[in-house]
Structures are given as C-alpha cells and as structure tokens.
Amino acid sequence: MTDTITHLNSADADFSAQLQSLLAWEESSDAEIHQRVLNIIDTVRSQGDKAVIDYTNQFDRTSISSAAELEISHDTLKAAWDNLPKDKADALEIAAKRVRAYAEKQKMDSWQYTEADGTMLGQKVTPLDRAGLYVPGGKAAYPSSVLMNAIPAKVAGVRELIMVVPTPEGVTNELVLAAAYLSGVDRVFAIGGAQAVAALAYGTETIPAVEKIVGPGNIYVATAKKLVFGQVGIDMIAGPSEILIICDGKTNPDWIAMDLFSQAEHDEDAQAILLSDDAEFLAAVAQSIENLLPTMERADIIKASLSARGALIKVDSLEQAAEVANTIAPEHLELSVEDPEALCKHIRNAGAIFMGRYTAEALGDYCAGPNHVLPTSGTARFSSPLGVYDFQKRSSLIYCSAEGANTLGKTASILARGESLTAHARSAEYRLK
C-alpha cells in the first residue's frame, strides 16, 4: 500500500465525516488581497487608461507609454495563425470545429404561443452585445481556454468579443493569439490581472465595457470578478480542478493512475479520487501511482495534490459509488465501467461525465467538443458547464388583446387589492370593458 494517497472505505462508521473532511476546501480569503483589488478597481474606474497603463507597467514589467500600445492588432493575430507549425494549426482547427459543432446544438430559440382570446405569450432570446474573455498569459499557454470561451460566445451571436491577456515583459504566446484569430475574437488587449477585469467591467477611454466576463485567472483575477459581479455578469468562481473516477476494476490500472495524475498536475489543491468496489484493483492502482509518479515532469505537484486531497475509496457497489459521486458533485466524472450508460442513469451531479474505459478526461479538456469550463467545489449540484446559453438573454413577451386584458385584468385587480397595491389594481381596471 502507498502513503502517497489516502485510502477510505465506505463501510467505516465515520466514512461520511472522512469524506467531508477530504472534500473541504475554501479559497483563502485574504483581506489584504481583497483590499488591494478594491483599490485597483477604484483607480481604474477613476483614471481609466492611465491606471491600466501604470498597473501593466508595474505588474508585467513593461514600458508602455500610450493606450494604443495596449491593443494587439488583428494583423498580429493573423500572423500568429499563419506562422503556426502545421501540426499545431491542424490540432487547433480540429478542436475548434468540434467545439463549434457542439455549441451549435446549444442555441436557444425564441418562441411564442397565442391563446384563444388573442393574448400572445412568449420568450425572446437575444445575444449579449459584448463579452470579455480573460486568458492567462506569460509562460502559461492556454489556447484551449480561448476556444472554449470564445467559440460559444460567437455561436450565440455576441456582437463583439474582447479578449485580455497579460504579456509579462512584452512576451506574447503565439498559440494563444492564433486561437484568438481562429475563434473570431474581435479585439485583444495585452493587459491582465485585476486591472484588466476592472477595465472590462467599467470601460476606459480605449477598452470598451462588456456585459459579461468569462475565463480563468489567478486569485487577483478571481477576486476582481467577484467584486465587479453585478456591474457585469461572470461565468463562475472556479475552484481547483477535480476528477472523480468510478471503476469496476477491469480497466488497466496504469490508465486510471494517469487519469488521476491528469488533474493532480494542475496544482497542489487539485483533487483526484477513485471509487471502486474491487479492493484488489484499488491496490493495483496504488502501485501504479508509485511506479508512474517518478516518470512525471510535475511529480512534486502531483504528489502534493494526491497526498493532501486525493483518495482511493472502497465502496460496496457501483450503485453506492454513484451516490458518493452525487455527494461529491465533481467537475469531471469518469465512468470507467462495462456499462457506463446504465451507471449514468444514477448520476445527478457532475460537470462533465466521461463514459467508458477509452474516454480519458483529457479529451474533454482539448477537443471532444463539450466545454471544459465546468462547475467545481460541489457547485455541479446547482450549476452547469459554460455554454452558448451563458451568452444569451431571455426576455418575456406579453401581448394582450382587448378581450385578454378584460379577463386577466379582473384577476390582476383582485390579487393587487389583496396586496393593498391600489395603483396596480386600477391600472388593470382601466382596461376592463
């Protein structure tokens, strides 16, 4: 047995308490960071471009002197795409086509119906006018995040998509810029951090204000998104990456160990859990973890993640595993079993469900088609993956004929007077026959 990862058993009397302890995670609420971000937001609101330039020079170690230098031109994006090696361009294009095809299925349409008296009721669906996409920059390269955030917005019909990406010391990432070009991003600004979120939320002389901000970022970006929510919409406050695997013991244990690693390598707070009704298989996976860990480039991060928040959990049955999964409500759920469709019927809470032995979670991160922006930290109990619907608004439609106003007006009058709202009642009564 390994001590790299915790072993739990659902038969233990205190299993529920042990599970809750394992799942407990709360982003550190640093009052100093909160105040610093508030100050940045206030300064950007009052000083506009000047504040964004000053913060960018300070935090990204650049020497920008004018607001015009903040924008990365469309020609630069096109050049990044044109100069990509063929294998990378092909991979990006395949992923983009699959994400777009899946997103097309998500579009909501307007609808309406007319009642016998001529009253029409319905719903009008319209895209957001403008959305903002935050993309991490510097050494990190997340072209997949560009595709996953930008393509659903464009499929939804968002008129203008504004991307912000920090460029520490002026260094840009060609893959990210190429993905922006391929996804149809309209404008890109070389800014990041809380100042970029503030600029998108409130607008500056150069950077237009948006209706919604999406995309991942560090603690400063996440805090800024929380603080500007209400002025703009946001996608979600994402916690550490998570994977939960249910396996019947018949998948290659090396495959399962590597699937656990695939999320643990994100950072030390990531969570990787395996549920199985086969104790010998859990032991085999534990051995695979020991064998494979030294071969990993990010072995230290993986080991820290597995030691702090990972677990191999013995359950009595696959049905019990499904119930444990519903309690955890994981971001990513792999059903590595003989009949994944049957087991899937028992799943109520999960961001994305990967079905069958050959469906590695990593495929969903890059190119399967469904969005990889998913609810974390148990929020899959009540929220959903990012999609086209996040960039569309619904407006209710109500049209009353004279006859309909007479019928509905009597009902509204009675209810309004019952609430002592006389003006409401009289407004409806004026239209009675």
Protein backbone atom coordinates (compact mmCIF):
# COMPACT_ATOMS: atom_id res chain seq x y z
CA MET A 1 0.00 0.00 0.00
CA THR A 2 1.13 3.53 -0.71
CA ASP A 3 1.16 6.52 1.60
CA THR A 4 1.06 8.91 -1.38
CA ILE A 5 -2.73 8.89 -1.33
CA THR A 6 -5.42 8.40 1.32
CA HIS A 7 -7.37 5.11 1.47
CA LEU A 8 -11.01 5.21 2.62
CA ASN A 9 -13.74 2.60 2.96
CA SER A 10 -17.45 3.38 2.72
CA ALA A 11 -18.12 0.61 5.27
CA ASP A 12 -16.36 2.57 8.02
CA ALA A 13 -18.72 4.09 10.58
CA ASP A 14 -17.20 7.55 10.17
CA PHE A 15 -16.94 7.43 6.35
CA SER A 16 -19.26 10.42 5.81
CA ALA A 17 -17.17 12.58 8.14
CA GLN A 18 -13.96 11.40 6.49
CA LEU A 19 -15.37 12.20 3.04
CA GLN A 20 -16.47 15.69 4.06
CA SER A 21 -13.05 16.36 5.55
CA LEU A 22 -11.43 15.24 2.29
CA LEU A 23 -13.71 17.47 0.21
CA ALA A 24 -13.37 20.55 2.43
CA TRP A 25 -11.71 23.35 0.52
CA GLU A 26 -12.13 27.05 0.92
CA GLU A 27 -10.19 29.60 -1.07
CA SER A 28 -8.13 31.64 1.33
CA SER A 29 -9.95 34.88 1.96
CA ASP A 30 -7.01 37.22 2.25
CA ALA A 31 -8.24 40.62 3.45
CA GLU A 32 -5.09 42.26 2.11
CA ILE A 33 -5.66 40.86 -1.41
CA HIS A 34 -9.32 41.87 -1.24
CA GLN A 35 -8.40 45.46 -0.33
CA ARG A 36 -5.65 45.64 -2.92
CA VAL A 37 -8.05 44.51 -5.65
CA LEU A 38 -10.68 47.00 -4.48
CA ASN A 39 -8.10 49.79 -4.75
CA ILE A 40 -7.13 48.67 -8.27
CA ILE A 41 -10.77 48.61 -9.38
CA ASP A 42 -11.42 52.08 -7.93
CA THR A 43 -8.31 53.51 -9.57
CA VAL A 44 -9.19 52.06 -12.98
CA ARG A 45 -12.73 53.43 -12.66
CA SER A 46 -11.47 56.93 -11.90
CA GLN A 47 -8.33 57.10 -14.04
CA GLY A 48 -9.17 54.82 -16.99
CA ASP A 49 -6.37 54.17 -19.47
CA LYS A 50 -3.75 55.86 -17.29
CA ALA A 51 -4.38 53.41 -14.44
CA VAL A 52 -4.34 50.40 -16.77
CA ILE A 53 -1.02 51.54 -18.29
CA ASP A 54 0.53 52.19 -14.87
CA TYR A 55 -0.55 48.82 -13.45
CA THR A 56 0.53 46.97 -16.60
CA ASN A 57 3.99 48.55 -16.47
CA GLN A 58 4.23 47.78 -12.77
CA PHE A 59 2.98 44.18 -12.70
CA ASP A 60 4.01 42.97 -16.17
CA ARG A 61 7.36 44.81 -16.22
CA THR A 62 6.60 46.60 -19.48
CA SER A 63 7.29 50.16 -20.63
CA ILE A 64 4.05 51.12 -22.35
CA SER A 65 3.58 54.86 -22.78
CA SER A 66 0.30 55.14 -24.69
CA ALA A 67 -3.06 53.37 -24.66
CA ALA A 68 -2.66 52.46 -28.33
CA GLU A 69 0.17 50.09 -27.35
CA LEU A 70 -2.23 48.05 -25.21
CA GLU A 71 -4.06 46.60 -28.21
CA ILE A 72 -2.72 43.63 -30.16
CA SER A 73 -3.68 44.17 -33.80
CA HIS A 74 -5.78 41.84 -35.89
CA ASP A 75 -2.81 41.54 -38.27
CA THR A 76 -0.68 40.24 -35.39
CA LEU A 77 -3.33 37.62 -34.58
CA LYS A 78 -3.48 36.55 -38.23
CA ALA A 79 0.31 36.35 -38.45
CA ALA A 80 0.38 34.13 -35.36
CA TRP A 81 -2.11 31.80 -37.06
CA ASP A 82 -0.34 31.87 -40.43
CA ASN A 83 3.03 31.07 -38.87
CA LEU A 84 1.91 28.16 -36.70
CA PRO A 85 3.54 24.80 -37.44
CA LYS A 86 1.12 22.62 -39.40
CA ASP A 87 0.60 20.04 -36.64
CA LYS A 88 -0.41 22.71 -34.13
CA ALA A 89 -2.62 24.53 -36.65
CA ASP A 90 -4.36 21.27 -37.58
CA ALA A 91 -4.92 20.35 -33.92
CA LEU A 92 -6.36 23.78 -33.12
CA GLU A 93 -8.61 23.65 -36.17
CA ILE A 94 -9.94 20.17 -35.33
CA ALA A 95 -10.64 21.23 -31.74
CA ALA A 96 -12.31 24.47 -32.86
CA LYS A 97 -14.59 22.66 -35.33
CA ARG A 98 -15.68 20.18 -32.68
CA VAL A 99 -16.32 22.86 -30.05
CA ARG A 100 -18.33 24.86 -32.59
CA ALA A 101 -20.39 21.86 -33.73
CA TYR A 102 -21.31 21.05 -30.13
CA ALA A 103 -22.07 24.70 -29.34
CA GLU A 104 -24.42 24.98 -32.32
CA LYS A 105 -26.66 22.37 -30.66
CA GLN A 106 -26.97 24.56 -27.56
CA LYS A 107 -28.50 27.65 -29.13
CA MET A 108 -31.82 28.66 -27.59
CA ASP A 109 -34.50 29.95 -29.94
CA SER A 110 -37.28 32.43 -29.33
CA TRP A 111 -40.80 31.03 -29.05
CA GLN A 112 -44.36 32.23 -28.56
CA TYR A 113 -47.94 30.99 -28.48
CA THR A 114 -51.34 32.65 -28.85
CA GLU A 115 -54.29 31.91 -26.59
CA ALA A 116 -57.90 31.65 -27.73
CA ASP A 117 -58.69 35.30 -26.84
CA GLY A 118 -55.75 36.63 -28.86
CA THR A 119 -53.31 37.04 -25.96
CA MET A 120 -49.77 36.19 -27.05
CA LEU A 121 -47.09 34.98 -24.65
CA GLY A 122 -43.53 34.07 -25.49
CA GLN A 123 -39.82 34.36 -24.94
CA LYS A 124 -37.37 36.43 -26.98
CA VAL A 125 -33.76 35.23 -26.99
CA THR A 126 -31.02 37.75 -27.75
CA PRO A 127 -27.23 37.53 -27.52
CA LEU A 128 -25.15 39.77 -25.28
CA ASP A 129 -23.86 42.84 -27.07
CA ARG A 130 -20.30 42.47 -25.84
CA ALA A 131 -18.43 39.89 -23.76
CA GLY A 132 -14.96 39.90 -22.22
CA LEU A 133 -12.62 36.90 -22.18
CA TYR A 134 -9.77 36.71 -19.68
CA VAL A 135 -6.87 34.47 -20.74
CA PRO A 136 -3.85 33.79 -18.51
CA GLY A 137 -0.57 34.87 -20.11
CA GLY A 138 3.17 34.72 -19.69
CA LYS A 139 4.75 31.27 -19.71
CA ALA A 140 1.33 29.63 -19.39
CA ALA A 141 -0.28 28.81 -22.72
CA TYR A 142 -3.99 28.02 -22.71
CA PRO A 143 -5.18 28.13 -26.32
CA SER A 144 -7.83 25.55 -25.40
CA SER A 145 -9.37 28.06 -22.97
CA VAL A 146 -9.59 30.60 -25.77
CA LEU A 147 -11.54 28.14 -27.92
CA MET A 148 -13.82 27.02 -25.09
CA ASN A 149 -14.73 30.56 -24.03
CA ALA A 150 -14.74 32.39 -27.36
CA ILE A 151 -16.49 29.96 -29.70
CA PRO A 152 -19.73 29.60 -27.67
CA ALA A 153 -19.90 33.39 -27.44
CA LYS A 154 -19.60 33.78 -31.21
CA VAL A 155 -22.09 30.95 -31.85
CA ALA A 156 -24.51 32.74 -29.52
CA GLY A 157 -24.18 35.84 -31.72
CA VAL A 158 -22.25 38.10 -29.36
CA ARG A 159 -21.59 41.22 -31.41
CA GLU A 160 -18.13 41.94 -30.05
CA LEU A 161 -15.77 39.70 -28.08
CA ILE A 162 -12.95 41.46 -26.24
CA MET A 163 -10.01 39.35 -25.05
CA VAL A 164 -7.46 40.42 -22.44
CA VAL A 165 -4.19 38.54 -21.94
CA PRO A 166 -1.20 39.68 -19.87
CA THR A 167 2.17 39.78 -21.68
CA PRO A 168 4.84 39.86 -18.96
CA GLU A 169 7.92 41.69 -20.23
CA GLY A 170 6.12 42.04 -23.56
CA VAL A 171 6.17 38.29 -24.28
CA THR A 172 3.16 37.01 -26.21
CA ASN A 173 2.16 33.40 -26.76
CA GLU A 174 1.68 32.61 -30.43
CA LEU A 175 -0.65 29.66 -29.80
CA VAL A 176 -2.98 31.84 -27.72
CA LEU A 177 -3.00 34.59 -30.34
CA ALA A 178 -3.61 32.05 -33.11
CA ALA A 179 -6.51 30.55 -31.15
CA ALA A 180 -7.98 34.05 -30.77
CA TYR A 181 -7.80 34.55 -34.53
CA LEU A 182 -9.32 31.15 -35.25
CA SER A 183 -12.15 31.72 -32.73
CA GLY A 184 -13.17 35.08 -34.18
CA VAL A 185 -12.15 37.25 -31.22
CA ASP A 186 -12.74 40.87 -32.27
CA ARG A 187 -10.20 42.80 -30.19
CA VAL A 188 -7.30 41.75 -27.95
CA PHE A 189 -5.59 43.84 -25.28
CA ALA A 190 -2.25 42.99 -23.69
CA ILE A 191 -3.36 43.50 -20.12
CA GLY A 192 -4.08 41.19 -17.21
CA GLY A 193 -4.76 40.98 -13.51
CA ALA A 194 -7.43 42.81 -11.56
CA GLN A 195 -6.87 45.92 -13.71
CA ALA A 196 -7.98 44.02 -16.82
CA VAL A 197 -11.14 42.80 -15.10
CA ALA A 198 -11.89 46.34 -13.91
CA ALA A 199 -11.33 47.76 -17.40
CA LEU A 200 -13.72 45.21 -18.92
CA ALA A 201 -16.34 45.85 -16.25
CA TYR A 202 -16.34 49.65 -16.31
CA GLY A 203 -14.62 50.54 -19.57
CA THR A 204 -11.83 53.04 -20.19
CA GLU A 205 -11.17 55.50 -22.99
CA THR A 206 -9.69 52.64 -25.04
CA ILE A 207 -11.10 49.42 -23.64
CA PRO A 208 -14.85 49.00 -24.08
CA ALA A 209 -17.06 47.90 -21.18
CA VAL A 210 -18.61 44.46 -21.58
CA GLU A 211 -21.78 42.77 -20.31
CA LYS A 212 -20.12 39.58 -19.07
CA ILE A 213 -16.60 38.44 -18.17
CA VAL A 214 -15.54 34.81 -18.60
CA GLY A 215 -12.28 32.91 -18.34
CA PRO A 216 -9.83 31.64 -15.69
CA GLY A 217 -7.26 33.59 -13.72
CA ASN A 218 -5.26 33.77 -10.50
CA ILE A 219 -6.51 34.85 -7.06
CA TYR A 220 -6.42 38.55 -8.05
CA VAL A 221 -8.50 37.90 -11.17
CA ALA A 222 -10.97 35.70 -9.28
CA THR A 223 -11.33 38.32 -6.52
CA ALA A 224 -11.85 41.07 -9.07
CA LYS A 225 -14.54 39.04 -10.84
CA LYS A 226 -16.36 38.61 -7.53
CA LEU A 227 -16.18 42.34 -6.82
CA VAL A 228 -17.42 43.52 -10.23
CA PHE A 229 -20.28 40.99 -10.35
CA GLY A 230 -23.50 42.97 -10.56
CA GLN A 231 -21.92 45.62 -12.74
CA VAL A 232 -21.30 42.78 -15.19
CA GLY A 233 -22.13 39.08 -15.29
CA ILE A 234 -19.42 36.48 -14.74
CA ASP A 235 -19.19 32.82 -15.71
CA MET A 236 -18.31 31.35 -12.30
CA ILE A 237 -15.80 31.46 -9.47
CA ALA A 238 -13.75 28.38 -10.22
CA GLY A 239 -12.02 26.35 -7.56
CA PRO A 240 -9.24 23.78 -8.02
CA SER A 241 -9.56 21.17 -10.76
CA GLU A 242 -11.21 17.87 -9.81
CA ILE A 243 -11.56 14.37 -11.19
CA LEU A 244 -13.64 11.52 -9.76
CA ILE A 245 -13.33 8.08 -11.36
CA ILE A 246 -15.72 5.18 -10.82
CA CYS A 247 -14.14 1.92 -11.99
CA ASP A 248 -15.35 -1.67 -11.86
CA GLY A 249 -11.79 -2.99 -11.59
CA LYS A 250 -11.47 -4.07 -15.21
CA THR A 251 -9.64 -1.06 -16.67
CA ASN A 252 -5.84 -1.03 -16.90
CA PRO A 253 -4.69 0.41 -13.53
CA ASP A 254 -1.98 2.45 -15.25
CA TRP A 255 -4.67 4.20 -17.30
CA ILE A 256 -6.59 5.10 -14.15
CA ALA A 257 -3.46 6.29 -12.31
CA MET A 258 -2.59 8.57 -15.22
CA ASP A 259 -6.15 9.90 -15.37
CA LEU A 260 -5.80 10.83 -11.69
CA PHE A 261 -2.45 12.49 -12.45
CA SER A 262 -4.02 14.47 -15.31
CA GLN A 263 -5.89 16.66 -12.85
CA ALA A 264 -3.46 16.44 -9.92
CA GLU A 265 -0.75 18.03 -12.08
CA HIS A 266 -2.73 21.29 -12.30
CA ASP A 267 -1.76 22.39 -8.79
CA GLU A 268 -1.38 21.23 -5.21
CA ASP A 269 -5.04 21.99 -4.42
CA ALA A 270 -6.42 19.85 -7.27
CA GLN A 271 -8.42 16.78 -6.24
CA ALA A 272 -8.25 13.27 -7.72
CA ILE A 273 -10.44 10.47 -6.31
CA LEU A 274 -11.07 6.88 -7.39
CA LEU A 275 -14.10 4.82 -6.30
CA SER A 276 -14.19 1.07 -6.85
CA ASP A 277 -15.94 -1.98 -5.43
CA ASP A 278 -12.78 -4.04 -6.09
CA ALA A 279 -10.20 -3.83 -3.26
CA GLU A 280 -7.52 -5.62 -5.28
CA PHE A 281 -7.94 -3.12 -8.11
CA LEU A 282 -7.53 -0.20 -5.71
CA ALA A 283 -4.27 -1.77 -4.53
CA ALA A 284 -3.15 -2.18 -8.15
CA VAL A 285 -3.87 1.49 -8.89
CA ALA A 286 -1.96 2.47 -5.74
CA GLN A 287 1.01 0.50 -7.07
CA SER A 288 0.65 2.14 -10.50
CA ILE A 289 0.76 5.53 -8.79
CA GLU A 290 4.06 4.60 -7.13
CA ASN A 291 5.50 3.24 -10.37
CA LEU A 292 4.43 6.11 -12.64
CA LEU A 293 4.92 9.09 -10.35
CA PRO A 294 8.73 9.27 -10.79
CA THR A 295 8.25 9.48 -14.58
CA MET A 296 6.15 12.65 -14.40
CA GLU A 297 7.55 16.12 -15.14
CA ARG A 298 5.29 17.63 -12.49
CA ALA A 299 5.81 14.82 -9.98
CA ASP A 300 6.17 17.14 -6.97
CA ILE A 301 2.85 18.88 -7.70
CA ILE A 302 1.07 15.57 -8.36
CA LYS A 303 2.38 14.05 -5.15
CA ALA A 304 1.39 17.09 -3.09
CA SER A 305 -2.12 17.07 -4.62
CA LEU A 306 -2.65 13.33 -4.08
CA SER A 307 -1.27 13.45 -0.53
CA ALA A 308 -3.39 16.42 0.55
CA ARG A 309 -6.67 15.88 -1.29
CA GLY A 310 -6.58 12.59 -3.23
CA ALA A 311 -8.21 9.30 -2.21
CA LEU A 312 -8.77 5.70 -3.23
CA ILE A 313 -12.19 4.72 -1.86
CA LYS A 314 -13.55 1.20 -1.50
CA VAL A 315 -17.34 1.06 -1.96
CA ASP A 316 -19.76 -1.85 -1.69
CA SER A 317 -21.18 -1.50 -5.21
CA LEU A 318 -21.19 0.68 -8.29
CA GLU A 319 -24.63 1.99 -7.27
CA GLN A 320 -23.14 3.15 -3.97
CA ALA A 321 -20.28 4.71 -5.93
CA ALA A 322 -22.87 6.73 -7.88
CA GLU A 323 -24.40 8.00 -4.64
CA VAL A 324 -20.97 9.03 -3.34
CA ALA A 325 -20.38 10.77 -6.68
CA ASN A 326 -23.65 12.67 -6.29
CA THR A 327 -22.48 13.83 -2.85
CA ILE A 328 -19.14 14.99 -4.24
CA ALA A 329 -20.68 16.59 -7.39
CA PRO A 330 -17.34 16.54 -9.22
CA GLU A 331 -16.15 18.78 -12.03
CA HIS A 332 -15.06 15.74 -14.10
CA LEU A 333 -16.56 12.27 -13.61
CA GLU A 334 -15.18 9.21 -15.41
CA LEU A 335 -17.40 6.12 -15.56
CA SER A 336 -14.73 3.55 -16.40
CA VAL A 337 -17.10 0.58 -16.31
CA GLU A 338 -18.54 -2.10 -18.59
CA ASP A 339 -21.96 -0.40 -18.96
CA PRO A 340 -21.49 3.34 -18.47
CA GLU A 341 -24.94 4.24 -19.80
CA ALA A 342 -26.63 2.16 -17.11
CA LEU A 343 -24.50 3.73 -14.37
CA CYS A 344 -25.00 7.22 -15.81
CA LYS A 345 -28.73 6.93 -15.03
CA HIS A 346 -27.81 7.06 -11.34
CA ILE A 347 -25.72 10.24 -11.69
CA ARG A 348 -27.40 13.54 -10.82
CA ASN A 349 -24.49 15.87 -10.00
CA ALA A 350 -21.46 16.25 -12.27
CA GLY A 351 -19.97 18.92 -14.51
CA ALA A 352 -18.98 16.56 -17.32
CA ILE A 353 -19.40 12.78 -17.49
CA PHE A 354 -16.82 10.74 -19.41
CA MET A 355 -18.32 7.37 -20.32
CA GLY A 356 -16.42 4.14 -20.88
CA ARG A 357 -12.86 2.88 -20.48
CA TYR A 358 -11.47 4.69 -23.53
CA THR A 359 -12.80 8.15 -22.68
CA ALA A 360 -9.97 9.94 -20.91
CA GLU A 361 -10.93 13.20 -19.23
CA ALA A 362 -8.07 14.89 -21.09
CA LEU A 363 -10.01 14.52 -24.36
CA GLY A 364 -12.68 16.80 -22.91
CA ASP A 365 -10.08 19.37 -21.92
CA TYR A 366 -8.99 19.87 -25.50
CA CYS A 367 -11.01 18.55 -28.37
CA ALA A 368 -14.01 16.30 -27.65
CA GLY A 369 -16.43 19.20 -28.17
CA PRO A 370 -18.26 19.90 -24.88
CA ASN A 371 -16.95 22.85 -22.90
CA HIS A 372 -14.13 22.36 -20.42
CA VAL A 373 -15.25 25.32 -18.29
CA LEU A 374 -17.08 23.37 -15.59
CA PRO A 375 -18.51 23.87 -12.09
CA THR A 376 -16.12 22.94 -9.26
CA SER A 377 -16.18 22.58 -5.47
CA GLY A 378 -19.56 20.83 -5.42
CA THR A 379 -21.33 23.56 -7.40
CA ALA A 380 -22.35 20.98 -10.02
CA ARG A 381 -25.25 20.37 -7.61
CA PHE A 382 -26.83 23.55 -8.99
CA SER A 383 -24.81 24.84 -11.93
CA SER A 384 -23.73 23.76 -15.40
CA PRO A 385 -20.84 23.90 -17.87
CA LEU A 386 -20.21 27.14 -19.75
CA GLY A 387 -22.15 27.17 -22.99
CA VAL A 388 -23.89 29.21 -25.64
CA TYR A 389 -26.75 29.85 -23.20
CA ASP A 390 -24.34 31.84 -21.00
CA PHE A 391 -24.06 34.42 -23.77
CA GLN A 392 -27.80 34.66 -24.48
CA LYS A 393 -30.51 36.54 -22.59
CA ARG A 394 -34.19 35.69 -22.36
CA SER A 395 -36.90 38.37 -22.42
CA SER A 396 -40.53 37.52 -21.69
CA LEU A 397 -43.10 38.58 -24.29
CA ILE A 398 -46.66 39.52 -23.27
CA TYR A 399 -49.26 40.89 -25.66
CA CYS A 400 -52.86 41.26 -24.52
CA SER A 401 -55.81 41.60 -26.84
CA ALA A 402 -58.75 43.69 -25.58
CA GLU A 403 -60.51 40.51 -24.58
CA GLY A 404 -57.40 39.17 -22.86
CA ALA A 405 -56.91 42.43 -20.95
CA ASN A 406 -60.51 42.15 -19.70
CA THR A 407 -60.03 38.58 -18.46
CA LEU A 408 -56.54 38.98 -16.98
CA GLY A 409 -57.35 42.45 -15.64
CA LYS A 410 -60.07 41.10 -13.33
CA THR A 411 -57.69 38.50 -11.90
CA ALA A 412 -54.85 41.03 -11.52
CA SER A 413 -57.20 43.51 -9.82
CA ILE A 414 -58.28 41.01 -7.18
CA LEU A 415 -54.70 39.95 -6.44
CA ALA A 416 -53.37 43.52 -6.41
CA ARG A 417 -56.07 44.73 -3.98
CA GLY A 418 -55.29 41.71 -1.84
CA GLU A 419 -51.75 43.08 -1.59
CA SER A 420 -53.01 46.64 -0.96
CA LEU A 421 -51.36 47.86 -4.17
CA THR A 422 -54.20 50.04 -5.41
CA ALA A 423 -52.37 51.61 -8.35
CA HIS A 424 -51.62 48.15 -9.69
CA ALA A 425 -55.30 47.26 -9.43
CA ARG A 426 -56.57 50.47 -11.03
CA SER A 427 -54.01 50.21 -13.86
CA ALA A 428 -55.51 46.84 -14.76
CA GLU A 429 -59.12 48.04 -14.14
CA TYR A 430 -58.81 50.94 -16.58
CA ARG A 431 -58.64 48.38 -19.37
CA LEU A 432 -61.71 46.38 -18.32
CA LYS A 433 -64.75 46.52 -20.58
